[in-house]
Amino acid sequence: MKPFAADSMRALIIDDEKAIRSSTVIAIRAEGHVAEAADSRAIGLLKLQEDAYDLVFLDLRLGDEDGLEVLEDIKRSFPQVQVVVFTAYASVASAVTAMQKGAFDYLEKPFTPENLRQIFIRVEKHRKLETKIVELQTEIHLQNPTLDFSSDDPAMKSAVEILFKAAPTQAAILLLGESGTGKSALAKAIHDRSEGRDAAFVTVSCPSLSRELLESELFGHVKGAFTGAIRDTWGKVAAAEGGTLFLDEIGELPLEIQPKLLRLLQERQYERVGEHKIRVTNARIIAATNNDLKERVRIGTFREDLYYRLDVISVRVPPLRERGHDLGRLTKSYLDFFTRQLARPRLAFSESATKRLNSYRWPGNLRELRNTIERAVILAPDDLIAERFVPENPPAALDAKVAVGSEISLETLEEAHIRSILGRASSLDAAAKTLGIDPATLYRKRKRLNL
């Protein structure tokens, strides 16, 4: 029997004939997949409630029970599970009916191990196709221009060369740099050049959830693991099987979860929340942060061993203000995209607007540049974009009306102060230190205030 592969599937055989159950389990396990069996509708549905399966092989004649009714029960309660029906030659018509009711495929009895192997191949192709469709739908929904990673800046050019050279390997990659420098887009570009390009690219935003929910989102959980866990779920690690798991803002990963991520990196092993069964993954890990991880290690909020395990291939993505030679090309790329999208092909920046674009420090980096150009394309009243649509540099001083004791809300005062500090600070950590708050708190405030 082959060892269970990292990309193995979990199959459940529901058949009232013991010989069929036993032979099918043996054949499936011989191919390196996980297989369990049930001899009735009740046991089969109970197993589906207790554990997560990728595939069910269902006999359409379960003694006195109607397999078509069981099929409907499975598809109603577990719509993501693919169902393949077993049928004798005389029941092919029933198999066709079953497929109309949602079955993935059918096998005629008797069948061979090769027949089973082909079923698993088709299911795998179907899963990859579904993943690709989701990714394409996401890209269409986001309506984002494709970033050009060619660069005239030596630091950026060196960073891209290193990353793309490491892309075909399984080495962990750590992307360092300020918010908005394109780390997420770079991670996706690495994935697209990797051996797992046909599998999923899955993103987890580390500051977005509480520790408990983040752990469940990463590793999955079993039914009853915590309040509200009404059924087994697979986490993002399982979803990224064979592909890439991108951990955004890794510096905000709770200390309690860090040992489990270290185990994932070192041993390729993990356990779902509430389960003591070791699972294996071959998902590739890419992490990104705008924090100083060495400083996080020093103050004890980030494990040193995890830092060094992530630091196999690490690069700093330079901020836009250090990539002056790239600014013109990036501006043109964004402008071409949004003028096509909004059907304004004759739109261009005025000379004064171009000068302001070139002199601005772009604290929000590529994200701010993109938003600035999109806003200008939408709002410009004629075909020449005036300088008023480009941010002014240096950041304007606080308005006289926005001051301590003035008749404004506390929220407005806070926003103005945070905006001013961010405009002068060299990094998010430095700004948080000046403000006297945790970087994670500042990160959330920035998102809330859309800074």
Protein backbone atom coordinates (compact mmCIF):
# COMPACT_ATOMS: atom_id res chain seq x y z
CA MET A 1 0.00 0.00 0.00
CA LYS A 2 1.26 3.47 -0.85
CA PRO A 3 1.76 5.86 2.11
CA PHE A 4 -0.90 8.54 2.39
CA ALA A 5 0.26 11.31 0.11
CA ALA A 6 0.08 14.98 1.07
CA ASP A 7 -2.55 15.42 -1.65
CA SER A 8 -4.53 12.30 -0.73
CA MET A 9 -8.32 12.44 -0.61
CA ARG A 10 -10.73 11.04 1.96
CA ALA A 11 -13.33 8.68 0.57
CA LEU A 12 -16.38 7.03 2.16
CA ILE A 13 -17.88 3.86 0.67
CA ILE A 14 -21.58 3.31 1.44
CA ASP A 15 -22.61 -0.16 0.29
CA ASP A 16 -24.53 -3.00 1.93
CA GLU A 17 -22.34 -5.69 0.29
CA LYS A 18 -19.37 -6.46 2.54
CA ALA A 19 -17.23 -7.77 -0.33
CA ILE A 20 -17.70 -4.53 -2.30
CA ARG A 21 -16.92 -2.41 0.76
CA SER A 22 -13.77 -4.32 1.62
CA SER A 23 -12.36 -4.55 -1.91
CA THR A 24 -13.06 -0.87 -2.61
CA VAL A 25 -11.39 0.25 0.63
CA ILE A 26 -8.32 -1.85 -0.19
CA ALA A 27 -8.10 -0.52 -3.75
CA ILE A 28 -8.45 3.12 -2.65
CA ARG A 29 -5.88 2.81 0.12
CA ALA A 30 -3.49 1.14 -2.32
CA GLU A 31 -3.54 4.38 -4.29
CA GLY A 32 -2.47 6.38 -1.23
CA HIS A 33 -5.90 7.77 -0.34
CA VAL A 34 -7.86 7.46 2.91
CA ALA A 35 -10.91 5.21 2.79
CA GLU A 36 -13.63 4.27 5.29
CA ALA A 37 -16.83 2.31 4.86
CA ALA A 38 -20.48 2.27 5.98
CA ASP A 39 -23.07 -0.44 5.40
CA SER A 40 -26.20 1.71 5.62
CA ARG A 41 -27.67 5.14 5.06
CA ALA A 42 -27.69 5.93 8.80
CA ILE A 43 -24.03 5.00 9.36
CA GLY A 44 -22.96 6.78 6.19
CA LEU A 45 -24.66 10.06 7.13
CA LEU A 46 -23.31 9.79 10.68
CA LYS A 47 -19.73 9.43 9.36
CA LEU A 48 -20.22 12.41 7.07
CA GLN A 49 -21.31 14.48 10.08
CA GLU A 50 -18.34 13.36 12.17
CA ASP A 51 -15.56 13.85 9.63
CA ALA A 52 -14.82 15.69 6.39
CA TYR A 53 -14.72 13.66 3.16
CA ASP A 54 -13.84 14.64 -0.38
CA LEU A 55 -15.65 11.79 -2.11
CA VAL A 56 -18.47 9.31 -1.44
CA PHE A 57 -19.00 6.05 -3.33
CA LEU A 58 -22.70 5.22 -2.95
CA ASP A 59 -24.54 2.03 -3.89
CA LEU A 60 -27.92 2.84 -5.43
CA ARG A 61 -29.39 -0.35 -3.98
CA LEU A 62 -28.78 -0.29 -0.22
CA GLY A 63 -30.90 -3.30 0.67
CA ASP A 64 -34.39 -1.93 1.25
CA GLU A 65 -33.17 1.69 1.11
CA ASP A 66 -33.32 3.89 -1.98
CA GLY A 67 -29.85 5.13 -2.93
CA LEU A 68 -31.34 8.10 -4.78
CA GLU A 69 -32.89 9.34 -1.53
CA VAL A 70 -29.53 8.92 0.23
CA LEU A 71 -27.89 10.88 -2.59
CA GLU A 72 -30.34 13.72 -2.08
CA ASP A 73 -29.65 13.70 1.67
CA ILE A 74 -25.88 13.91 1.06
CA LYS A 75 -26.09 16.71 -1.52
CA ARG A 76 -28.50 18.66 0.68
CA SER A 77 -26.37 18.47 3.84
CA PHE A 78 -22.87 18.21 2.32
CA PRO A 79 -22.99 20.00 -1.05
CA GLN A 80 -19.19 20.17 -1.42
CA VAL A 81 -18.78 16.37 -1.27
CA GLN A 82 -18.59 14.64 -4.67
CA VAL A 83 -20.75 11.49 -4.93
CA VAL A 84 -20.01 8.60 -7.30
CA VAL A 85 -22.75 5.98 -7.54
CA PHE A 86 -22.26 2.22 -7.85
CA THR A 87 -24.70 0.49 -10.17
CA ALA A 88 -25.19 -2.85 -11.89
CA TYR A 89 -25.51 -2.82 -15.68
CA ALA A 90 -29.28 -3.16 -15.49
CA SER A 91 -29.45 0.06 -13.44
CA VAL A 92 -27.62 2.45 -15.75
CA ALA A 93 -30.86 4.39 -16.20
CA SER A 94 -30.90 4.94 -12.43
CA ALA A 95 -27.30 6.13 -12.60
CA VAL A 96 -28.29 8.73 -15.19
CA THR A 97 -31.10 9.87 -12.90
CA ALA A 98 -28.59 10.04 -10.03
CA MET A 99 -26.32 12.32 -12.07
CA GLN A 100 -29.27 14.56 -12.78
CA LYS A 101 -29.74 14.78 -9.02
CA GLY A 102 -26.12 15.87 -8.45
CA ALA A 103 -23.94 12.75 -8.60
CA PHE A 104 -20.45 13.40 -9.96
CA ASP A 105 -20.10 10.11 -11.88
CA TYR A 106 -21.03 6.44 -11.75
CA LEU A 107 -19.27 3.07 -11.77
CA GLU A 108 -20.76 -0.09 -13.21
CA LYS A 109 -20.35 -3.25 -11.15
CA PRO A 110 -18.06 -5.06 -11.35
CA PHE A 111 -15.31 -2.41 -11.58
CA THR A 112 -11.51 -2.53 -11.51
CA PRO A 113 -8.86 -0.61 -9.52
CA GLU A 114 -8.12 1.29 -12.74
CA ASN A 115 -11.77 2.43 -12.89
CA LEU A 116 -11.40 3.79 -9.36
CA ARG A 117 -8.09 5.47 -10.21
CA GLN A 118 -9.69 7.29 -13.14
CA ILE A 119 -12.49 8.52 -10.89
CA PHE A 120 -9.96 10.07 -8.49
CA ILE A 121 -8.13 11.69 -11.41
CA ARG A 122 -11.38 13.26 -12.64
CA VAL A 123 -12.28 14.50 -9.15
CA GLU A 124 -8.83 16.08 -8.80
CA LYS A 125 -9.16 17.81 -12.18
CA HIS A 126 -12.61 19.02 -11.18
CA ARG A 127 -11.29 20.47 -7.92
CA LYS A 128 -8.47 22.30 -9.74
CA LEU A 129 -10.97 23.69 -12.24
CA GLU A 130 -13.21 24.94 -9.43
CA THR A 131 -10.22 26.58 -7.75
CA LYS A 132 -9.24 28.27 -10.99
CA ILE A 133 -12.78 29.55 -11.51
CA VAL A 134 -12.83 31.03 -7.99
CA GLU A 135 -9.48 32.73 -8.60
CA LEU A 136 -10.66 34.17 -11.93
CA GLN A 137 -13.90 35.39 -10.35
CA THR A 138 -11.87 37.05 -7.59
CA GLU A 139 -9.63 38.79 -10.12
CA ILE A 140 -12.63 40.03 -12.09
CA HIS A 141 -14.31 41.21 -8.91
CA LEU A 142 -11.26 43.09 -7.68
CA GLN A 143 -10.71 44.70 -11.09
CA ASN A 144 -7.05 45.23 -10.30
CA PRO A 145 -4.45 46.12 -12.93
CA THR A 146 -1.62 43.64 -13.37
CA LEU A 147 1.58 44.86 -11.73
CA ASP A 148 4.70 45.08 -13.85
CA PHE A 149 7.56 43.62 -11.81
CA SER A 150 10.29 44.79 -14.17
CA SER A 151 12.25 47.59 -12.53
CA ASP A 152 15.04 50.08 -13.14
CA ASP A 153 15.68 50.30 -9.40
CA PRO A 154 18.65 48.06 -8.43
CA ALA A 155 17.14 47.03 -5.07
CA MET A 156 13.75 46.15 -6.55
CA LYS A 157 15.32 44.40 -9.51
CA SER A 158 17.51 42.29 -7.20
CA ALA A 159 14.53 41.43 -4.96
CA VAL A 160 12.42 40.24 -7.91
CA GLU A 161 15.30 38.18 -9.34
CA ILE A 162 15.82 36.41 -6.00
CA LEU A 163 12.11 35.73 -5.53
CA PHE A 164 11.52 34.40 -9.02
CA LYS A 165 14.63 32.20 -8.78
CA ALA A 166 13.25 30.71 -5.54
CA ALA A 167 9.70 30.39 -6.91
CA PRO A 168 10.01 26.78 -8.28
CA THR A 169 11.34 25.51 -4.92
CA GLN A 170 9.44 24.70 -1.71
CA ALA A 171 11.55 27.13 0.35
CA ALA A 172 9.68 29.42 2.71
CA ILE A 173 9.72 33.04 1.57
CA LEU A 174 9.51 36.14 3.76
CA LEU A 175 8.54 39.46 2.16
CA LEU A 176 9.48 42.55 4.17
CA GLY A 177 8.41 46.10 3.49
CA GLU A 178 5.96 48.89 4.16
CA SER A 179 2.23 48.54 3.57
CA GLY A 180 1.21 49.02 -0.04
CA THR A 181 4.52 48.04 -1.64
CA GLY A 182 2.97 45.13 -3.54
CA LYS A 183 3.91 42.22 -1.28
CA SER A 184 0.61 40.40 -1.86
CA ALA A 185 0.94 40.78 -5.64
CA LEU A 186 4.52 39.53 -5.46
CA ALA A 187 3.40 36.49 -3.45
CA LYS A 188 0.83 35.66 -6.15
CA ALA A 189 3.49 36.11 -8.86
CA ILE A 190 5.77 33.67 -6.99
CA HIS A 191 2.90 31.17 -6.81
CA ASP A 192 2.25 31.53 -10.55
CA ARG A 193 5.89 30.57 -11.20
CA SER A 194 5.92 27.65 -8.74
CA GLU A 195 5.40 23.93 -9.23
CA GLY A 196 2.02 24.31 -7.50
CA ARG A 197 0.72 26.99 -9.88
CA ASP A 198 -2.30 24.84 -10.81
CA ALA A 199 -3.35 24.47 -7.16
CA ALA A 200 -4.85 27.16 -4.94
CA PHE A 201 -3.28 30.41 -3.76
CA VAL A 202 -4.81 30.96 -0.32
CA THR A 203 -4.42 34.15 1.73
CA VAL A 204 -4.75 34.45 5.50
CA SER A 205 -4.69 37.93 7.05
CA CYS A 206 -3.14 37.35 10.46
CA PRO A 207 -4.50 40.50 12.23
CA SER A 208 -8.03 40.03 10.96
CA LEU A 209 -9.36 37.52 13.51
CA SER A 210 -9.14 36.63 17.19
CA ARG A 211 -6.62 33.98 18.19
CA GLU A 212 -9.27 31.27 18.47
CA LEU A 213 -10.89 32.03 15.11
CA LEU A 214 -7.54 32.48 13.37
CA GLU A 215 -6.35 29.07 14.57
CA SER A 216 -9.55 27.47 13.26
CA GLU A 217 -9.29 29.34 9.96
CA LEU A 218 -5.71 28.18 9.51
CA PHE A 219 -5.92 24.55 10.59
CA GLY A 220 -9.64 23.74 10.56
CA HIS A 221 -11.63 22.21 13.41
CA VAL A 222 -13.73 19.20 14.30
CA LYS A 223 -17.34 19.22 15.36
CA GLY A 224 -17.71 20.29 18.99
CA ALA A 225 -14.20 21.75 19.28
CA PHE A 226 -15.71 25.01 20.52
CA THR A 227 -19.08 26.73 20.80
CA GLY A 228 -20.53 27.06 17.34
CA ALA A 229 -18.45 24.27 15.80
CA ILE A 230 -21.47 22.36 14.50
CA ARG A 231 -19.53 20.30 11.94
CA ASP A 232 -16.02 19.41 10.83
CA THR A 233 -14.32 21.99 8.65
CA TRP A 234 -11.08 22.08 6.72
CA GLY A 235 -8.90 25.14 7.24
CA LYS A 236 -6.81 27.28 4.91
CA VAL A 237 -3.85 24.88 5.18
CA ALA A 238 -5.95 22.12 3.63
CA ALA A 239 -7.37 24.53 1.04
CA ALA A 240 -3.82 25.41 -0.04
CA GLU A 241 -2.85 21.74 -0.50
CA GLY A 242 -0.33 21.46 -3.31
CA GLY A 243 -0.36 25.24 -3.76
CA THR A 244 0.60 28.28 -1.71
CA LEU A 245 -0.46 29.52 1.72
CA PHE A 246 0.18 33.27 1.97
CA LEU A 247 0.31 34.61 5.53
CA ASP A 248 -0.15 38.36 5.32
CA GLU A 249 1.10 40.49 8.23
CA ILE A 250 2.80 37.51 9.87
CA GLY A 251 4.22 39.84 12.52
CA GLU A 252 0.74 40.03 14.03
CA LEU A 253 0.40 36.24 14.42
CA PRO A 254 -0.60 35.52 18.05
CA LEU A 255 2.21 34.02 20.11
CA GLU A 256 0.04 31.00 21.02
CA ILE A 257 -0.31 29.94 17.36
CA GLN A 258 3.35 30.41 16.46
CA PRO A 259 4.52 26.94 17.66
CA LYS A 260 1.91 25.31 15.41
CA LEU A 261 3.10 27.30 12.41
CA LEU A 262 6.69 26.34 13.24
CA ARG A 263 5.66 22.67 13.23
CA LEU A 264 3.92 23.19 9.88
CA LEU A 265 7.10 24.66 8.41
CA GLN A 266 9.53 22.15 9.90
CA GLU A 267 7.61 18.89 9.77
CA ARG A 268 4.79 19.65 7.31
CA GLN A 269 2.39 18.46 10.00
CA TYR A 270 -0.64 20.00 11.68
CA GLU A 271 -3.77 19.08 13.63
CA ARG A 272 -7.24 20.52 13.36
CA VAL A 273 -8.59 22.27 16.47
CA GLY A 274 -10.13 19.66 18.77
CA GLU A 275 -8.51 16.75 16.94
CA HIS A 276 -5.42 14.69 17.81
CA LYS A 277 -4.93 13.24 14.36
CA ILE A 278 -1.73 14.31 12.61
CA ARG A 279 -2.23 15.53 9.07
CA VAL A 280 0.41 16.27 6.46
CA THR A 281 0.56 19.10 3.93
CA ASN A 282 2.80 20.10 1.07
CA ALA A 283 1.48 23.65 0.83
CA ARG A 284 4.22 26.20 0.21
CA ILE A 285 4.45 29.01 2.79
CA ILE A 286 4.97 32.66 1.85
CA ALA A 287 4.76 35.27 4.61
CA ALA A 288 4.78 39.06 4.55
CA THR A 289 5.08 41.77 7.16
CA ASN A 290 5.61 45.49 7.53
CA ASN A 291 6.93 44.95 11.05
CA ASP A 292 10.54 44.69 12.19
CA LEU A 293 10.52 41.00 13.09
CA LYS A 294 13.96 41.16 14.71
CA GLU A 295 12.59 43.80 17.09
CA ARG A 296 9.53 41.60 17.69
CA VAL A 297 11.87 38.73 18.58
CA ARG A 298 13.83 41.00 20.93
CA ILE A 299 10.75 42.10 22.89
CA GLY A 300 9.36 38.54 22.99
CA THR A 301 6.27 38.84 20.79
CA PHE A 302 7.68 36.67 17.98
CA ARG A 303 9.48 33.36 18.37
CA GLU A 304 13.12 33.41 17.35
CA ASP A 305 13.03 29.86 15.94
CA LEU A 306 9.99 30.70 13.82
CA TYR A 307 11.69 33.85 12.54
CA TYR A 308 14.73 31.91 11.36
CA ARG A 309 12.55 29.20 9.83
CA LEU A 310 10.66 31.83 7.83
CA ASP A 311 13.87 33.63 6.93
CA VAL A 312 15.07 31.02 4.40
CA ILE A 313 14.54 33.40 1.49
CA SER A 314 13.78 36.93 2.64
CA VAL A 315 13.75 40.13 0.65
CA ARG A 316 12.89 43.72 1.39
CA VAL A 317 10.45 45.24 -1.08
CA PRO A 318 11.55 48.87 -1.44
CA PRO A 319 8.98 51.63 -0.89
CA LEU A 320 7.86 53.65 -3.88
CA ARG A 321 9.77 56.77 -2.76
CA GLU A 322 13.00 54.79 -3.29
CA ARG A 323 11.96 53.70 -6.79
CA GLY A 324 11.94 57.04 -8.57
CA HIS A 325 12.96 55.49 -11.90
CA ASP A 326 9.91 53.19 -11.78
CA LEU A 327 7.34 55.83 -10.93
CA GLY A 328 6.72 56.94 -14.51
CA ARG A 329 6.16 53.42 -15.83
CA LEU A 330 3.91 52.47 -12.91
CA THR A 331 1.89 55.66 -13.31
CA LYS A 332 1.41 54.97 -17.02
CA SER A 333 0.39 51.37 -16.32
CA TYR A 334 -2.29 52.41 -13.82
CA LEU A 335 -3.47 55.27 -16.02
CA ASP A 336 -3.79 53.00 -19.08
CA PHE A 337 -5.77 50.47 -17.03
CA PHE A 338 -8.28 52.91 -15.56
CA THR A 339 -8.75 54.94 -18.75
CA ARG A 340 -9.60 51.68 -20.57
CA GLN A 341 -11.89 50.56 -17.75
CA LEU A 342 -13.74 53.87 -17.65
CA ALA A 343 -13.61 54.55 -21.42
CA ARG A 344 -11.57 57.75 -21.17
CA PRO A 345 -8.68 56.99 -23.59
CA ARG A 346 -7.61 60.61 -24.12
CA LEU A 347 -7.03 61.35 -20.44
CA ALA A 348 -3.52 62.46 -19.38
CA PHE A 349 -1.79 64.25 -16.49
CA SER A 350 -1.01 67.93 -16.88
CA GLU A 351 2.61 69.07 -16.62
CA SER A 352 2.07 70.50 -13.13
CA ALA A 353 0.30 67.29 -11.99
CA THR A 354 3.19 65.21 -13.31
CA LYS A 355 5.68 67.32 -11.36
CA ARG A 356 3.67 66.82 -8.19
CA LEU A 357 3.44 63.06 -8.86
CA ASN A 358 7.23 62.89 -9.15
CA SER A 359 7.91 64.93 -6.02
CA TYR A 360 5.40 63.28 -3.69
CA ARG A 361 6.83 60.76 -1.17
CA TRP A 362 3.96 58.24 -1.53
CA PRO A 363 3.73 57.00 2.08
CA GLY A 364 0.99 54.60 0.93
CA ASN A 365 3.25 53.29 -1.86
CA LEU A 366 1.72 51.46 -4.84
CA ARG A 367 -1.67 51.22 -3.17
CA GLU A 368 -1.81 55.01 -2.73
CA LEU A 369 -0.59 55.58 -6.30
CA ARG A 370 -3.26 53.25 -7.65
CA ASN A 371 -6.04 54.89 -5.62
CA THR A 372 -4.86 58.38 -6.58
CA ILE A 373 -4.93 57.59 -10.30
CA GLU A 374 -8.28 55.79 -10.14
CA ARG A 375 -9.82 58.74 -8.30
CA ALA A 376 -8.34 61.21 -10.79
CA VAL A 377 -9.66 59.26 -13.79
CA ILE A 378 -13.13 59.20 -12.24
CA LEU A 379 -13.27 62.85 -11.16
CA ALA A 380 -11.26 64.79 -13.76
CA PRO A 381 -13.75 67.06 -15.57
CA ASP A 382 -11.82 67.12 -18.85
CA ASP A 383 -9.04 65.22 -20.61
CA LEU A 384 -6.23 66.87 -18.65
CA ILE A 385 -5.80 65.79 -15.03
CA ALA A 386 -5.00 68.85 -12.92
CA GLU A 387 -2.49 68.90 -10.05
CA ARG A 388 -5.30 69.19 -7.50
CA PHE A 389 -5.99 65.49 -8.05
CA VAL A 390 -2.46 64.59 -6.82
CA PRO A 391 -1.60 64.61 -3.08
CA GLU A 392 0.52 67.50 -1.88
CA ASN A 393 3.96 66.86 -0.44
CA PRO A 394 4.99 67.36 2.30
CA PRO A 395 1.74 66.49 4.10
CA ALA A 396 -0.16 69.61 4.98
CA ALA A 397 0.00 70.78 8.58
CA LEU A 398 -3.00 70.19 10.79
CA ASP A 399 -5.86 72.53 10.00
CA ALA A 400 -6.17 75.31 12.55
CA LYS A 401 -9.66 74.11 13.29
CA VAL A 402 -8.34 70.63 14.07
CA ALA A 403 -6.64 71.24 17.38
CA VAL A 404 -6.96 70.30 21.01
CA GLY A 405 -9.91 72.21 22.46
CA SER A 406 -11.52 73.01 19.11
CA GLU A 407 -15.13 72.13 18.43
CA ILE A 408 -14.55 68.85 16.64
CA SER A 409 -15.17 65.21 17.47
CA LEU A 410 -12.54 63.10 19.18
CA GLU A 411 -12.57 60.80 16.12
CA THR A 412 -11.68 63.69 13.78
CA LEU A 413 -8.86 64.80 16.07
CA GLU A 414 -7.53 61.25 16.30
CA GLU A 415 -7.61 60.80 12.53
CA ALA A 416 -5.76 64.06 11.94
CA HIS A 417 -3.10 63.16 14.51
CA ILE A 418 -2.60 59.63 13.15
CA ARG A 419 -2.42 60.96 9.59
CA SER A 420 0.23 63.48 10.61
CA ILE A 421 2.38 60.93 12.47
CA LEU A 422 2.14 58.41 9.63
CA GLY A 423 3.23 61.08 7.16
CA ARG A 424 6.46 61.67 9.10
CA ALA A 425 7.26 58.20 10.44
CA SER A 426 9.73 55.91 8.70
CA SER A 427 7.67 52.79 9.35
CA LEU A 428 4.45 51.54 10.90
CA ASP A 429 6.35 50.38 14.02
CA ALA A 430 7.91 53.83 14.42
CA ALA A 431 4.52 55.52 14.08
CA ALA A 432 2.98 53.14 16.64
CA LYS A 433 5.83 53.87 19.06
CA THR A 434 5.27 57.62 18.72
CA LEU A 435 1.52 57.19 19.22
CA GLY A 436 2.07 54.89 22.20
CA ILE A 437 -0.07 52.06 20.80
CA ASP A 438 0.57 48.55 19.58
CA PRO A 439 1.36 48.24 15.82
CA ALA A 440 -1.60 45.87 15.44
CA THR A 441 -3.91 48.52 16.89
CA LEU A 442 -2.49 51.12 14.51
CA TYR A 443 -2.93 48.69 11.61
CA ARG A 444 -6.62 48.28 12.42
CA LYS A 445 -7.12 52.04 12.87
CA ARG A 446 -5.52 52.69 9.48
CA LYS A 447 -7.88 50.22 7.84
CA ARG A 448 -10.90 51.71 9.61
CA LEU A 449 -9.94 55.27 8.68
CA ASN A 450 -8.89 54.25 5.16
CA LEU A 451 -5.47 55.91 5.57
